[in-house]
Amino acid sequence: MNGASVSIIIVNWNGGDHLRRCLASLRGSTDESLDRIIVVDNGSTDGSSDAARNVAGVTVLDAGRNLGFAKACNLGARETTADFLLFLNPDTTVSPGVLPQVLSFMTEPSSVQVGICGVQLVDEHGRVARSCARFPTPLGMCLVALGLGRIFRGSGMLMEDWPHDRSRQVDHVVGAFYFVRKSVFEALRGFDERFFMYLEDLDFSLRANRLGWRSHYLADTRAFHLGGGTSRQVKDRRLFYSLRSRVQYSFKHFDR
């Protein structure tokens, strides 16, 4: 691995038990390549940030308020000089050996043009998530925004027609486990902070692709994306930000 280092950045907003499980999993899955584990807390009120401060080796950055996902990620990235960045959702757990495997792949000579890497994501029932995506078309984005994605199969971004059972180059890997070269992140000036929540990773993947960087999916390396229930109020907010990000993405990348 040529002495390459990685920092893990976790954006937390009332992550609760999810964050505690995530940090516990990292204790057994890292090696000497790990530079730092950084938790950026977006104004949590559930005590999860205080719990994270009590975990050895974890740095907590208190944003003081909800900055949004993109801005919080950028804040965390500025705190490290590691060669690679892993943006990890707090509802994700990582098995031993995962980080060394991904780092080994990214430092192979054949991976020199791979800027972004994702792994196979599995839920608590052992189901493999459809976590790879195609860059959306204007029509596909419109159909999904109107709730017609299930009627017009194949119109969505997620590669639901592919079983995610082999490693390959893809357009985009979903950001629950988003492994990025720091040099690429700096060249693109991080995530676009105009995306408060959702599609900031897709926007980043597209911008990287336009500069000649590839995204790669590793099917033989796993992480567990647990997810969890949310209140109706939180679901309504997520729907709002999801729709807003789709509009922002469309205005930014589709010719008008």
C-alpha atoms as a PDB file:
ATOM      1  CA  MET A   1       0.000   0.000   0.000  1.00  0.00           C
ATOM      2  CA  ASN A   2       3.109   2.206  -0.202  1.00  0.00           C
ATOM      3  CA  GLY A   3       2.471   3.900   3.128  1.00  0.00           C
ATOM      4  CA  ALA A   4      -0.755   5.533   1.928  1.00  0.00           C
ATOM      5  CA  SER A   5      -3.072   6.882   4.606  1.00  0.00           C
ATOM      6  CA  VAL A   6      -6.831   7.351   4.911  1.00  0.00           C
ATOM      7  CA  SER A   7      -9.024   9.504   7.111  1.00  0.00           C
ATOM      8  CA  ILE A   8     -12.644   8.597   7.814  1.00  0.00           C
ATOM      9  CA  ILE A   9     -15.171  11.429   7.888  1.00  0.00           C
ATOM     10  CA  ILE A  10     -18.615  10.855   9.404  1.00  0.00           C
ATOM     11  CA  VAL A  11     -21.286  13.543   9.358  1.00  0.00           C
ATOM     12  CA  ASN A  12     -23.579  13.138  12.345  1.00  0.00           C
ATOM     13  CA  TRP A  13     -26.991  14.624  13.020  1.00  0.00           C
ATOM     14  CA  ASN A  14     -28.670  12.867  15.952  1.00  0.00           C
ATOM     15  CA  GLY A  15     -27.075   9.577  14.924  1.00  0.00           C
ATOM     16  CA  GLY A  16     -27.699   7.933  18.293  1.00  0.00           C
ATOM     17  CA  ASP A  17     -27.070   4.192  18.424  1.00  0.00           C
ATOM     18  CA  HIS A  18     -26.224   4.114  14.717  1.00  0.00           C
ATOM     19  CA  LEU A  19     -23.164   6.288  15.295  1.00  0.00           C
ATOM     20  CA  ARG A  20     -22.081   4.278  18.326  1.00  0.00           C
ATOM     21  CA  ARG A  21     -22.241   1.029  16.333  1.00  0.00           C
ATOM     22  CA  CYS A  22     -20.399   2.616  13.428  1.00  0.00           C
ATOM     23  CA  LEU A  23     -17.518   3.808  15.599  1.00  0.00           C
ATOM     24  CA  ALA A  24     -17.367   0.463  17.415  1.00  0.00           C
ATOM     25  CA  SER A  25     -17.015  -1.349  14.084  1.00  0.00           C
ATOM     26  CA  LEU A  26     -14.135   0.889  13.054  1.00  0.00           C
ATOM     27  CA  ARG A  27     -12.100  -0.085  16.116  1.00  0.00           C
ATOM     28  CA  GLY A  28     -11.716  -3.569  14.702  1.00  0.00           C
ATOM     29  CA  SER A  29     -11.361  -2.754  11.033  1.00  0.00           C
ATOM     30  CA  THR A  30      -8.456  -0.348  10.791  1.00  0.00           C
ATOM     31  CA  ASP A  31      -4.690  -0.658  10.630  1.00  0.00           C
ATOM     32  CA  GLU A  32      -1.636   1.581  10.530  1.00  0.00           C
ATOM     33  CA  SER A  33      -2.931   3.245   7.358  1.00  0.00           C
ATOM     34  CA  LEU A  34      -5.659   5.047   9.327  1.00  0.00           C
ATOM     35  CA  ASP A  35      -4.804   8.699   9.862  1.00  0.00           C
ATOM     36  CA  ARG A  36      -7.874  10.003  11.679  1.00  0.00           C
ATOM     37  CA  ILE A  37     -11.549   9.362  12.369  1.00  0.00           C
ATOM     38  CA  ILE A  38     -13.376  12.677  12.205  1.00  0.00           C
ATOM     39  CA  VAL A  39     -16.993  13.105  13.283  1.00  0.00           C
ATOM     40  CA  VAL A  40     -18.531  16.386  12.137  1.00  0.00           C
ATOM     41  CA  ASP A  41     -21.536  17.015  14.348  1.00  0.00           C
ATOM     42  CA  ASN A  42     -24.303  19.052  12.731  1.00  0.00           C
ATOM     43  CA  GLY A  43     -25.929  20.357  15.892  1.00  0.00           C
ATOM     44  CA  SER A  44     -27.105  17.056  17.377  1.00  0.00           C
ATOM     45  CA  THR A  45     -29.368  17.181  20.422  1.00  0.00           C
ATOM     46  CA  ASP A  46     -29.436  13.458  21.284  1.00  0.00           C
ATOM     47  CA  GLY A  47     -26.061  13.260  23.054  1.00  0.00           C
ATOM     48  CA  SER A  48     -24.441  11.311  20.227  1.00  0.00           C
ATOM     49  CA  SER A  49     -21.646  13.847  19.770  1.00  0.00           C
ATOM     50  CA  ASP A  50     -20.737  13.617  23.466  1.00  0.00           C
ATOM     51  CA  ALA A  51     -20.640   9.830  23.193  1.00  0.00           C
ATOM     52  CA  ALA A  52     -18.321  10.100  20.183  1.00  0.00           C
ATOM     53  CA  ARG A  53     -15.920  12.290  22.157  1.00  0.00           C
ATOM     54  CA  ASN A  54     -15.451   9.433  24.603  1.00  0.00           C
ATOM     55  CA  VAL A  55     -14.258   7.055  21.875  1.00  0.00           C
ATOM     56  CA  ALA A  56     -10.480   6.821  21.698  1.00  0.00           C
ATOM     57  CA  GLY A  57      -8.983   8.044  18.444  1.00  0.00           C
ATOM     58  CA  VAL A  58     -12.051  10.009  17.357  1.00  0.00           C
ATOM     59  CA  THR A  59     -11.952  13.751  16.703  1.00  0.00           C
ATOM     60  CA  VAL A  60     -15.302  15.541  16.982  1.00  0.00           C
ATOM     61  CA  LEU A  61     -15.813  18.830  15.152  1.00  0.00           C
ATOM     62  CA  ASP A  62     -18.826  20.692  16.509  1.00  0.00           C
ATOM     63  CA  ALA A  63     -20.449  22.644  13.682  1.00  0.00           C
ATOM     64  CA  GLY A  64     -22.874  24.245  16.136  1.00  0.00           C
ATOM     65  CA  ARG A  65     -25.783  23.913  13.725  1.00  0.00           C
ATOM     66  CA  ASN A  66     -26.902  21.802  10.796  1.00  0.00           C
ATOM     67  CA  LEU A  67     -24.565  22.850   7.986  1.00  0.00           C
ATOM     68  CA  GLY A  68     -25.932  20.280   5.584  1.00  0.00           C
ATOM     69  CA  PHE A  69     -24.092  17.187   4.443  1.00  0.00           C
ATOM     70  CA  ALA A  70     -21.842  18.671   1.744  1.00  0.00           C
ATOM     71  CA  LYS A  71     -20.563  21.568   3.833  1.00  0.00           C
ATOM     72  CA  ALA A  72     -19.959  19.325   6.849  1.00  0.00           C
ATOM     73  CA  CYS A  73     -17.987  16.864   4.710  1.00  0.00           C
ATOM     74  CA  ASN A  74     -15.818  19.681   3.399  1.00  0.00           C
ATOM     75  CA  LEU A  75     -15.227  20.898   6.941  1.00  0.00           C
ATOM     76  CA  GLY A  76     -13.998  17.471   7.972  1.00  0.00           C
ATOM     77  CA  ALA A  77     -11.811  17.066   4.890  1.00  0.00           C
ATOM     78  CA  ARG A  78      -9.943  20.279   5.671  1.00  0.00           C
ATOM     79  CA  GLU A  79      -8.788  18.757   8.957  1.00  0.00           C
ATOM     80  CA  THR A  80      -6.688  15.984   7.428  1.00  0.00           C
ATOM     81  CA  THR A  81      -3.662  15.563   5.190  1.00  0.00           C
ATOM     82  CA  ALA A  82      -4.320  11.872   4.477  1.00  0.00           C
ATOM     83  CA  ASP A  83      -3.931  10.522   0.938  1.00  0.00           C
ATOM     84  CA  PHE A  84      -7.503   9.205   0.846  1.00  0.00           C
ATOM     85  CA  LEU A  85     -10.826  10.188   2.374  1.00  0.00           C
ATOM     86  CA  LEU A  86     -13.633   7.821   3.320  1.00  0.00           C
ATOM     87  CA  PHE A  87     -16.992   9.533   3.720  1.00  0.00           C
ATOM     88  CA  LEU A  88     -18.995   7.094   5.800  1.00  0.00           C
ATOM     89  CA  ASN A  89     -22.639   7.306   6.853  1.00  0.00           C
ATOM     90  CA  PRO A  90     -23.199   6.888  10.601  1.00  0.00           C
ATOM     91  CA  ASP A  91     -25.728   4.098   9.926  1.00  0.00           C
ATOM     92  CA  THR A  92     -22.971   2.032   8.301  1.00  0.00           C
ATOM     93  CA  THR A  93     -20.745  -0.562   9.938  1.00  0.00           C
ATOM     94  CA  VAL A  94     -17.471  -1.814   8.533  1.00  0.00           C
ATOM     95  CA  SER A  95     -16.095  -5.336   8.848  1.00  0.00           C
ATOM     96  CA  PRO A  96     -12.443  -6.041   9.684  1.00  0.00           C
ATOM     97  CA  GLY A  97     -10.185  -5.840   6.658  1.00  0.00           C
ATOM     98  CA  VAL A  98     -12.435  -3.646   4.526  1.00  0.00           C
ATOM     99  CA  LEU A  99     -10.328  -0.489   4.647  1.00  0.00           C
ATOM    100  CA  PRO A 100      -7.023  -2.256   3.894  1.00  0.00           C
ATOM    101  CA  GLN A 101      -8.687  -4.042   0.962  1.00  0.00           C
ATOM    102  CA  VAL A 102     -10.001  -0.824  -0.558  1.00  0.00           C
ATOM    103  CA  LEU A 103      -6.729   0.979   0.051  1.00  0.00           C
ATOM    104  CA  SER A 104      -4.806  -1.887  -1.548  1.00  0.00           C
ATOM    105  CA  PHE A 105      -6.986  -1.654  -4.653  1.00  0.00           C
ATOM    106  CA  MET A 106      -6.680   2.126  -4.881  1.00  0.00           C
ATOM    107  CA  THR A 107      -2.880   2.017  -4.663  1.00  0.00           C
ATOM    108  CA  GLU A 108      -2.434  -0.600  -7.388  1.00  0.00           C
ATOM    109  CA  PRO A 109      -0.744   0.750 -10.545  1.00  0.00           C
ATOM    110  CA  SER A 110      -3.795  -0.315 -12.577  1.00  0.00           C
ATOM    111  CA  SER A 111      -6.027   1.928 -10.412  1.00  0.00           C
ATOM    112  CA  VAL A 112      -4.125   5.144 -11.023  1.00  0.00           C
ATOM    113  CA  GLN A 113      -7.136   6.712 -12.800  1.00  0.00           C
ATOM    114  CA  VAL A 114      -9.688   5.528 -10.223  1.00  0.00           C
ATOM    115  CA  GLY A 115     -10.648   8.561  -8.181  1.00  0.00           C
ATOM    116  CA  ILE A 116     -13.667   7.164  -6.322  1.00  0.00           C
ATOM    117  CA  CYS A 117     -14.377   3.700  -4.952  1.00  0.00           C
ATOM    118  CA  GLY A 118     -17.373   2.045  -3.325  1.00  0.00           C
ATOM    119  CA  VAL A 119     -18.016  -1.388  -1.851  1.00  0.00           C
ATOM    120  CA  GLN A 120     -20.905  -3.815  -1.734  1.00  0.00           C
ATOM    121  CA  LEU A 121     -23.484  -2.552   0.770  1.00  0.00           C
ATOM    122  CA  VAL A 122     -25.585  -5.137   2.597  1.00  0.00           C
ATOM    123  CA  ASP A 123     -28.555  -4.505   4.891  1.00  0.00           C
ATOM    124  CA  GLU A 124     -29.304  -6.218   8.202  1.00  0.00           C
ATOM    125  CA  HIS A 125     -31.178  -8.992   6.373  1.00  0.00           C
ATOM    126  CA  GLY A 126     -28.253  -9.797   4.094  1.00  0.00           C
ATOM    127  CA  ARG A 127     -29.755  -8.156   1.017  1.00  0.00           C
ATOM    128  CA  VAL A 128     -27.318  -6.507  -1.362  1.00  0.00           C
ATOM    129  CA  ALA A 129     -28.240  -2.881  -1.951  1.00  0.00           C
ATOM    130  CA  ARG A 130     -28.415  -1.459  -5.452  1.00  0.00           C
ATOM    131  CA  SER A 131     -25.827   1.160  -4.605  1.00  0.00           C
ATOM    132  CA  CYS A 132     -24.356   1.914  -8.034  1.00  0.00           C
ATOM    133  CA  ALA A 133     -25.900   4.432 -10.372  1.00  0.00           C
ATOM    134  CA  ARG A 134     -25.810   5.778 -13.879  1.00  0.00           C
ATOM    135  CA  PHE A 135     -25.537   9.474 -14.524  1.00  0.00           C
ATOM    136  CA  PRO A 136     -29.149  10.592 -14.967  1.00  0.00           C
ATOM    137  CA  THR A 137     -30.689  11.935 -18.140  1.00  0.00           C
ATOM    138  CA  PRO A 138     -33.023  14.944 -18.057  1.00  0.00           C
ATOM    139  CA  LEU A 139     -36.000  12.697 -18.858  1.00  0.00           C
ATOM    140  CA  GLY A 140     -35.070  10.148 -16.213  1.00  0.00           C
ATOM    141  CA  MET A 141     -34.611  12.827 -13.571  1.00  0.00           C
ATOM    142  CA  CYS A 142     -38.013  14.278 -14.434  1.00  0.00           C
ATOM    143  CA  LEU A 143     -39.794  10.912 -14.290  1.00  0.00           C
ATOM    144  CA  VAL A 144     -38.309  10.055 -10.905  1.00  0.00           C
ATOM    145  CA  ALA A 145     -39.150  13.499  -9.512  1.00  0.00           C
ATOM    146  CA  LEU A 146     -42.757  12.987 -10.625  1.00  0.00           C
ATOM    147  CA  GLY A 147     -42.910   9.585  -8.932  1.00  0.00           C
ATOM    148  CA  LEU A 148     -43.065   7.701 -12.240  1.00  0.00           C
ATOM    149  CA  GLY A 149     -39.776   5.852 -11.909  1.00  0.00           C
ATOM    150  CA  ARG A 150     -41.439   2.554 -10.989  1.00  0.00           C
ATOM    151  CA  ILE A 151     -43.749   2.735 -13.982  1.00  0.00           C
ATOM    152  CA  PHE A 152     -40.992   3.513 -16.469  1.00  0.00           C
ATOM    153  CA  ARG A 153     -38.485   0.853 -15.460  1.00  0.00           C
ATOM    154  CA  GLY A 154     -34.886   1.768 -16.131  1.00  0.00           C
ATOM    155  CA  SER A 155     -35.565   5.492 -15.990  1.00  0.00           C
ATOM    156  CA  GLY A 156     -33.988   5.917 -12.558  1.00  0.00           C
ATOM    157  CA  MET A 157     -30.345   6.383 -11.674  1.00  0.00           C
ATOM    158  CA  LEU A 158     -29.834   3.273  -9.544  1.00  0.00           C
ATOM    159  CA  MET A 159     -28.682   0.198 -11.451  1.00  0.00           C
ATOM    160  CA  GLU A 160     -31.551  -1.954 -10.194  1.00  0.00           C
ATOM    161  CA  ASP A 161     -31.318  -4.251 -13.223  1.00  0.00           C
ATOM    162  CA  TRP A 162     -27.818  -5.382 -12.220  1.00  0.00           C
ATOM    163  CA  PRO A 163     -27.280  -7.709  -9.221  1.00  0.00           C
ATOM    164  CA  HIS A 164     -24.106  -5.961  -8.013  1.00  0.00           C
ATOM    165  CA  ASP A 165     -22.304  -9.285  -7.942  1.00  0.00           C
ATOM    166  CA  ARG A 166     -19.006  -8.385  -9.630  1.00  0.00           C
ATOM    167  CA  SER A 167     -16.463  -5.606  -9.464  1.00  0.00           C
ATOM    168  CA  ARG A 168     -16.557  -3.112 -12.308  1.00  0.00           C
ATOM    169  CA  GLN A 169     -16.295   0.493 -13.361  1.00  0.00           C
ATOM    170  CA  VAL A 170     -19.528   2.455 -12.872  1.00  0.00           C
ATOM    171  CA  ASP A 171     -20.695   6.032 -13.263  1.00  0.00           C
ATOM    172  CA  HIS A 172     -21.350   6.535  -9.568  1.00  0.00           C
ATOM    173  CA  VAL A 173     -21.243   4.751  -6.211  1.00  0.00           C
ATOM    174  CA  VAL A 174     -23.746   5.934  -3.612  1.00  0.00           C
ATOM    175  CA  GLY A 175     -22.214   7.973  -0.819  1.00  0.00           C
ATOM    176  CA  ALA A 176     -22.895   5.759   2.222  1.00  0.00           C
ATOM    177  CA  PHE A 177     -19.332   4.431   1.697  1.00  0.00           C
ATOM    178  CA  TYR A 178     -17.565   6.920  -0.565  1.00  0.00           C
ATOM    179  CA  PHE A 179     -13.791   6.451  -0.826  1.00  0.00           C
ATOM    180  CA  VAL A 180     -12.022   9.331  -2.601  1.00  0.00           C
ATOM    181  CA  ARG A 181      -8.481  10.324  -3.457  1.00  0.00           C
ATOM    182  CA  LYS A 182      -7.658  13.484  -1.516  1.00  0.00           C
ATOM    183  CA  SER A 183      -5.946  14.931  -4.599  1.00  0.00           C
ATOM    184  CA  VAL A 184      -9.180  14.545  -6.587  1.00  0.00           C
ATOM    185  CA  PHE A 185     -11.216  16.032  -3.753  1.00  0.00           C
ATOM    186  CA  GLU A 186      -8.942  19.057  -3.624  1.00  0.00           C
ATOM    187  CA  ALA A 187      -8.891  19.468  -7.412  1.00  0.00           C
ATOM    188  CA  LEU A 188     -12.700  19.634  -7.399  1.00  0.00           C
ATOM    189  CA  ARG A 189     -12.741  21.844  -4.290  1.00  0.00           C
ATOM    190  CA  GLY A 190     -14.792  19.291  -2.436  1.00  0.00           C
ATOM    191  CA  PHE A 191     -18.522  18.815  -2.536  1.00  0.00           C
ATOM    192  CA  ASP A 192     -20.700  21.592  -3.922  1.00  0.00           C
ATOM    193  CA  GLU A 193     -22.124  23.159  -0.758  1.00  0.00           C
ATOM    194  CA  ARG A 194     -25.211  24.398  -2.582  1.00  0.00           C
ATOM    195  CA  PHE A 195     -26.493  20.822  -2.176  1.00  0.00           C
ATOM    196  CA  PHE A 196     -27.679  20.842   1.436  1.00  0.00           C
ATOM    197  CA  MET A 197     -28.586  17.169   1.386  1.00  0.00           C
ATOM    198  CA  TYR A 198     -28.681  14.542  -1.405  1.00  0.00           C
ATOM    199  CA  LEU A 199     -26.976  14.343  -4.804  1.00  0.00           C
ATOM    200  CA  GLU A 200     -23.812  16.136  -3.679  1.00  0.00           C
ATOM    201  CA  ASP A 201     -22.036  12.801  -4.204  1.00  0.00           C
ATOM    202  CA  LEU A 202     -23.563  12.317  -7.660  1.00  0.00           C
ATOM    203  CA  ASP A 203     -22.534  15.841  -8.609  1.00  0.00           C
ATOM    204  CA  PHE A 204     -18.999  15.115  -7.371  1.00  0.00           C
ATOM    205  CA  SER A 205     -18.796  11.844  -9.327  1.00  0.00           C
ATOM    206  CA  LEU A 206     -19.898  13.583 -12.518  1.00  0.00           C
ATOM    207  CA  ARG A 207     -17.397  16.399 -12.107  1.00  0.00           C
ATOM    208  CA  ALA A 208     -14.622  13.881 -11.430  1.00  0.00           C
ATOM    209  CA  ASN A 209     -15.659  11.881 -14.485  1.00  0.00           C
ATOM    210  CA  ARG A 210     -15.429  14.976 -16.663  1.00  0.00           C
ATOM    211  CA  LEU A 211     -11.818  15.390 -15.534  1.00  0.00           C
ATOM    212  CA  GLY A 212     -11.020  11.817 -16.543  1.00  0.00           C
ATOM    213  CA  TRP A 213     -11.335  10.102 -13.160  1.00  0.00           C
ATOM    214  CA  ARG A 214     -13.188   6.793 -12.884  1.00  0.00           C
ATOM    215  CA  SER A 215     -15.491   5.387 -10.212  1.00  0.00           C
ATOM    216  CA  HIS A 216     -15.117   1.714  -9.300  1.00  0.00           C
ATOM    217  CA  TYR A 217     -17.327  -0.733  -7.409  1.00  0.00           C
ATOM    218  CA  LEU A 218     -15.754  -3.580  -5.407  1.00  0.00           C
ATOM    219  CA  ALA A 219     -18.198  -6.471  -5.099  1.00  0.00           C
ATOM    220  CA  ASP A 220     -15.874  -8.655  -3.021  1.00  0.00           C
ATOM    221  CA  THR A 221     -15.559  -6.077  -0.230  1.00  0.00           C
ATOM    222  CA  ARG A 222     -18.541  -5.466   2.047  1.00  0.00           C
ATOM    223  CA  ALA A 223     -19.919  -2.923   4.454  1.00  0.00           C
ATOM    224  CA  PHE A 224     -23.258  -3.039   6.227  1.00  0.00           C
ATOM    225  CA  HIS A 225     -25.678  -0.181   5.694  1.00  0.00           C
ATOM    226  CA  LEU A 226     -28.252  -0.566   8.428  1.00  0.00           C
ATOM    227  CA  GLY A 227     -30.600   2.320   7.740  1.00  0.00           C
ATOM    228  CA  GLY A 228     -33.403   2.816  10.220  1.00  0.00           C
ATOM    229  CA  GLY A 229     -36.824   4.247  10.851  1.00  0.00           C
ATOM    230  CA  THR A 230     -37.464   7.968  10.846  1.00  0.00           C
ATOM    231  CA  SER A 231     -40.340  10.114  11.983  1.00  0.00           C
ATOM    232  CA  ARG A 232     -42.875  11.498   9.558  1.00  0.00           C
ATOM    233  CA  GLN A 233     -41.456  14.996  10.104  1.00  0.00           C
ATOM    234  CA  VAL A 234     -37.935  13.891   9.164  1.00  0.00           C
ATOM    235  CA  LYS A 235     -39.261  12.009   6.124  1.00  0.00           C
ATOM    236  CA  ASP A 236     -41.052  15.135   4.951  1.00  0.00           C
ATOM    237  CA  ARG A 237     -37.851  17.169   5.287  1.00  0.00           C
ATOM    238  CA  ARG A 238     -35.898  14.552   3.373  1.00  0.00           C
ATOM    239  CA  LEU A 239     -38.453  14.597   0.578  1.00  0.00           C
ATOM    240  CA  PHE A 240     -38.143  18.377   0.362  1.00  0.00           C
ATOM    241  CA  TYR A 241     -34.343  18.308   0.191  1.00  0.00           C
ATOM    242  CA  SER A 242     -34.373  15.400  -2.255  1.00  0.00           C
ATOM    243  CA  LEU A 243     -36.616  17.286  -4.663  1.00  0.00           C
ATOM    244  CA  ARG A 244     -34.661  20.499  -4.211  1.00  0.00           C
ATOM    245  CA  SER A 245     -31.364  18.750  -4.947  1.00  0.00           C
ATOM    246  CA  ARG A 246     -32.817  17.219  -8.108  1.00  0.00           C
ATOM    247  CA  VAL A 247     -33.776  20.676  -9.301  1.00  0.00           C
ATOM    248  CA  GLN A 248     -30.329  22.038  -8.417  1.00  0.00           C
ATOM    249  CA  TYR A 249     -28.581  19.168 -10.191  1.00  0.00           C
ATOM    250  CA  SER A 250     -30.732  19.608 -13.288  1.00  0.00           C
ATOM    251  CA  PHE A 251     -30.092  23.337 -13.543  1.00  0.00           C
ATOM    252  CA  LYS A 252     -26.372  22.794 -13.008  1.00  0.00           C
ATOM    253  CA  HIS A 253     -25.741  19.947 -15.449  1.00  0.00           C
ATOM    254  CA  PHE A 254     -28.480  19.861 -18.077  1.00  0.00           C
ATOM    255  CA  ASP A 255     -28.463  22.306 -20.952  1.00  0.00           C
ATOM    256  CA  ARG A 256     -31.399  24.654 -20.840  1.00  0.00           C
END
